[in-house]
Amino acid sequence: MSLPTVKSVAALALLASCASLMAATVQPLEAHYQAARAALANGDTEKAKRELKLSLQDNPLHAQSHFLLASLLGREGEIDQATVGFSKP
């Protein structure tokens, strides 16, 4: 195996490991957000709120989680908390 080929294989291995690390950091956010959407589809708003809060712990800037949580809070009459959620990024 020539030297450029060894470097290419090493670069591909590094790229693959970085991709798996990125997927691992994204997965919890998407898992909690998707679990919240599934809970809403089943009518379980309490579970949806828990999952959205977990999603926001993982990524405080996730706009969809803020919007969905604020929508739930507003629907339940918690207007002050909903307003805070709608003002987040």
C-alpha atoms as a PDB file:
ATOM      1  CA  MET A   1       0.000   0.000   0.000  1.00  0.00           C
ATOM      2  CA  SER A   2       1.468   3.357  -0.954  1.00  0.00           C
ATOM      3  CA  LEU A   3       1.773   6.260   1.467  1.00  0.00           C
ATOM      4  CA  PRO A   4      -1.053   8.362  -0.092  1.00  0.00           C
ATOM      5  CA  THR A   5      -3.372   5.348   0.155  1.00  0.00           C
ATOM      6  CA  VAL A   6      -2.578   4.878   3.864  1.00  0.00           C
ATOM      7  CA  LYS A   7      -3.258   8.566   4.475  1.00  0.00           C
ATOM      8  CA  SER A   8      -6.527   8.303   2.548  1.00  0.00           C
ATOM      9  CA  VAL A   9      -7.646   5.305   4.597  1.00  0.00           C
ATOM     10  CA  ALA A  10      -6.725   7.106   7.822  1.00  0.00           C
ATOM     11  CA  ALA A  11      -8.633  10.207   6.704  1.00  0.00           C
ATOM     12  CA  LEU A  12     -11.703   8.136   5.859  1.00  0.00           C
ATOM     13  CA  ALA A  13     -11.544   6.400   9.249  1.00  0.00           C
ATOM     14  CA  LEU A  14     -11.301   9.767  11.009  1.00  0.00           C
ATOM     15  CA  LEU A  15     -14.214  11.112   8.979  1.00  0.00           C
ATOM     16  CA  ALA A  16     -16.342   8.065   9.831  1.00  0.00           C
ATOM     17  CA  SER A  17     -15.609   8.396  13.553  1.00  0.00           C
ATOM     18  CA  CYS A  18     -16.487  12.114  13.477  1.00  0.00           C
ATOM     19  CA  ALA A  19     -19.752  11.358  11.689  1.00  0.00           C
ATOM     20  CA  SER A  20     -20.709   8.791  14.315  1.00  0.00           C
ATOM     21  CA  LEU A  21     -19.924  11.255  17.117  1.00  0.00           C
ATOM     22  CA  MET A  22     -22.061  13.914  15.445  1.00  0.00           C
ATOM     23  CA  ALA A  23     -24.919  11.451  15.075  1.00  0.00           C
ATOM     24  CA  ALA A  24     -24.632  10.538  18.759  1.00  0.00           C
ATOM     25  CA  THR A  25     -24.941  14.174  19.840  1.00  0.00           C
ATOM     26  CA  VAL A  26     -27.918  14.832  17.562  1.00  0.00           C
ATOM     27  CA  GLN A  27     -29.797  11.640  18.432  1.00  0.00           C
ATOM     28  CA  PRO A  28     -31.010  12.526  21.965  1.00  0.00           C
ATOM     29  CA  LEU A  29     -32.505  15.804  20.775  1.00  0.00           C
ATOM     30  CA  GLU A  30     -34.348  14.224  17.908  1.00  0.00           C
ATOM     31  CA  ALA A  31     -35.369  11.264  20.040  1.00  0.00           C
ATOM     32  CA  HIS A  32     -36.961  13.478  22.700  1.00  0.00           C
ATOM     33  CA  TYR A  33     -38.569  15.789  20.155  1.00  0.00           C
ATOM     34  CA  GLN A  34     -39.986  12.871  18.178  1.00  0.00           C
ATOM     35  CA  ALA A  35     -41.181  11.201  21.399  1.00  0.00           C
ATOM     36  CA  ALA A  36     -42.991  14.429  22.292  1.00  0.00           C
ATOM     37  CA  ARG A  37     -44.700  14.527  18.908  1.00  0.00           C
ATOM     38  CA  ALA A  38     -45.719  10.875  19.254  1.00  0.00           C
ATOM     39  CA  ALA A  39     -47.082  11.542  22.753  1.00  0.00           C
ATOM     40  CA  LEU A  40     -49.142  14.433  21.401  1.00  0.00           C
ATOM     41  CA  ALA A  41     -50.501  12.230  18.644  1.00  0.00           C
ATOM     42  CA  ASN A  42     -51.640   9.820  21.371  1.00  0.00           C
ATOM     43  CA  GLY A  43     -53.145  12.632  23.451  1.00  0.00           C
ATOM     44  CA  ASP A  44     -50.556  12.406  26.254  1.00  0.00           C
ATOM     45  CA  THR A  45     -49.700  16.063  26.821  1.00  0.00           C
ATOM     46  CA  GLU A  46     -47.870  15.450  30.103  1.00  0.00           C
ATOM     47  CA  LYS A  47     -45.411  13.063  28.448  1.00  0.00           C
ATOM     48  CA  ALA A  48     -45.057  15.487  25.545  1.00  0.00           C
ATOM     49  CA  LYS A  49     -44.116  18.312  27.925  1.00  0.00           C
ATOM     50  CA  ARG A  50     -41.571  16.089  29.717  1.00  0.00           C
ATOM     51  CA  GLU A  51     -39.974  15.054  26.438  1.00  0.00           C
ATOM     52  CA  LEU A  52     -39.844  18.635  25.171  1.00  0.00           C
ATOM     53  CA  LYS A  53     -38.150  19.777  28.373  1.00  0.00           C
ATOM     54  CA  LEU A  54     -35.579  16.986  27.956  1.00  0.00           C
ATOM     55  CA  SER A  55     -35.076  18.051  24.361  1.00  0.00           C
ATOM     56  CA  LEU A  56     -34.426  21.617  25.491  1.00  0.00           C
ATOM     57  CA  GLN A  57     -31.967  20.447  28.144  1.00  0.00           C
ATOM     58  CA  ASP A  58     -29.963  18.804  25.365  1.00  0.00           C
ATOM     59  CA  ASN A  59     -30.210  21.825  23.063  1.00  0.00           C
ATOM     60  CA  PRO A  60     -31.634  25.038  24.552  1.00  0.00           C
ATOM     61  CA  LEU A  61     -31.778  26.651  21.107  1.00  0.00           C
ATOM     62  CA  HIS A  62     -34.035  24.050  19.440  1.00  0.00           C
ATOM     63  CA  ALA A  63     -36.736  26.331  18.065  1.00  0.00           C
ATOM     64  CA  GLN A  64     -39.277  23.594  17.281  1.00  0.00           C
ATOM     65  CA  SER A  65     -39.171  22.337  20.873  1.00  0.00           C
ATOM     66  CA  HIS A  66     -39.648  25.866  22.221  1.00  0.00           C
ATOM     67  CA  PHE A  67     -42.573  26.478  19.892  1.00  0.00           C
ATOM     68  CA  LEU A  68     -44.298  23.178  20.615  1.00  0.00           C
ATOM     69  CA  LEU A  69     -43.844  23.498  24.385  1.00  0.00           C
ATOM     70  CA  ALA A  70     -45.081  27.095  24.332  1.00  0.00           C
ATOM     71  CA  SER A  71     -48.102  26.007  22.283  1.00  0.00           C
ATOM     72  CA  LEU A  72     -48.944  23.322  24.842  1.00  0.00           C
ATOM     73  CA  LEU A  73     -48.526  25.698  27.752  1.00  0.00           C
ATOM     74  CA  GLY A  74     -50.680  28.340  26.065  1.00  0.00           C
ATOM     75  CA  ARG A  75     -53.393  25.785  25.354  1.00  0.00           C
ATOM     76  CA  GLU A  76     -53.395  24.848  29.052  1.00  0.00           C
ATOM     77  CA  GLY A  77     -53.769  28.489  30.106  1.00  0.00           C
ATOM     78  CA  GLU A  78     -50.190  28.979  31.298  1.00  0.00           C
ATOM     79  CA  ILE A  79     -49.880  32.190  29.299  1.00  0.00           C
ATOM     80  CA  ASP A  80     -46.856  33.663  31.113  1.00  0.00           C
ATOM     81  CA  GLN A  81     -44.765  30.527  30.589  1.00  0.00           C
ATOM     82  CA  ALA A  82     -45.992  30.225  27.013  1.00  0.00           C
ATOM     83  CA  THR A  83     -44.948  33.806  26.287  1.00  0.00           C
ATOM     84  CA  VAL A  84     -41.441  33.060  27.550  1.00  0.00           C
ATOM     85  CA  GLY A  85     -41.302  29.979  25.323  1.00  0.00           C
ATOM     86  CA  PHE A  86     -42.425  31.898  22.257  1.00  0.00           C
ATOM     87  CA  SER A  87     -39.768  34.542  22.852  1.00  0.00           C
ATOM     88  CA  LYS A  88     -36.935  31.975  22.822  1.00  0.00           C
ATOM     89  CA  PRO A  89     -34.941  31.428  19.618  1.00  0.00           C
END
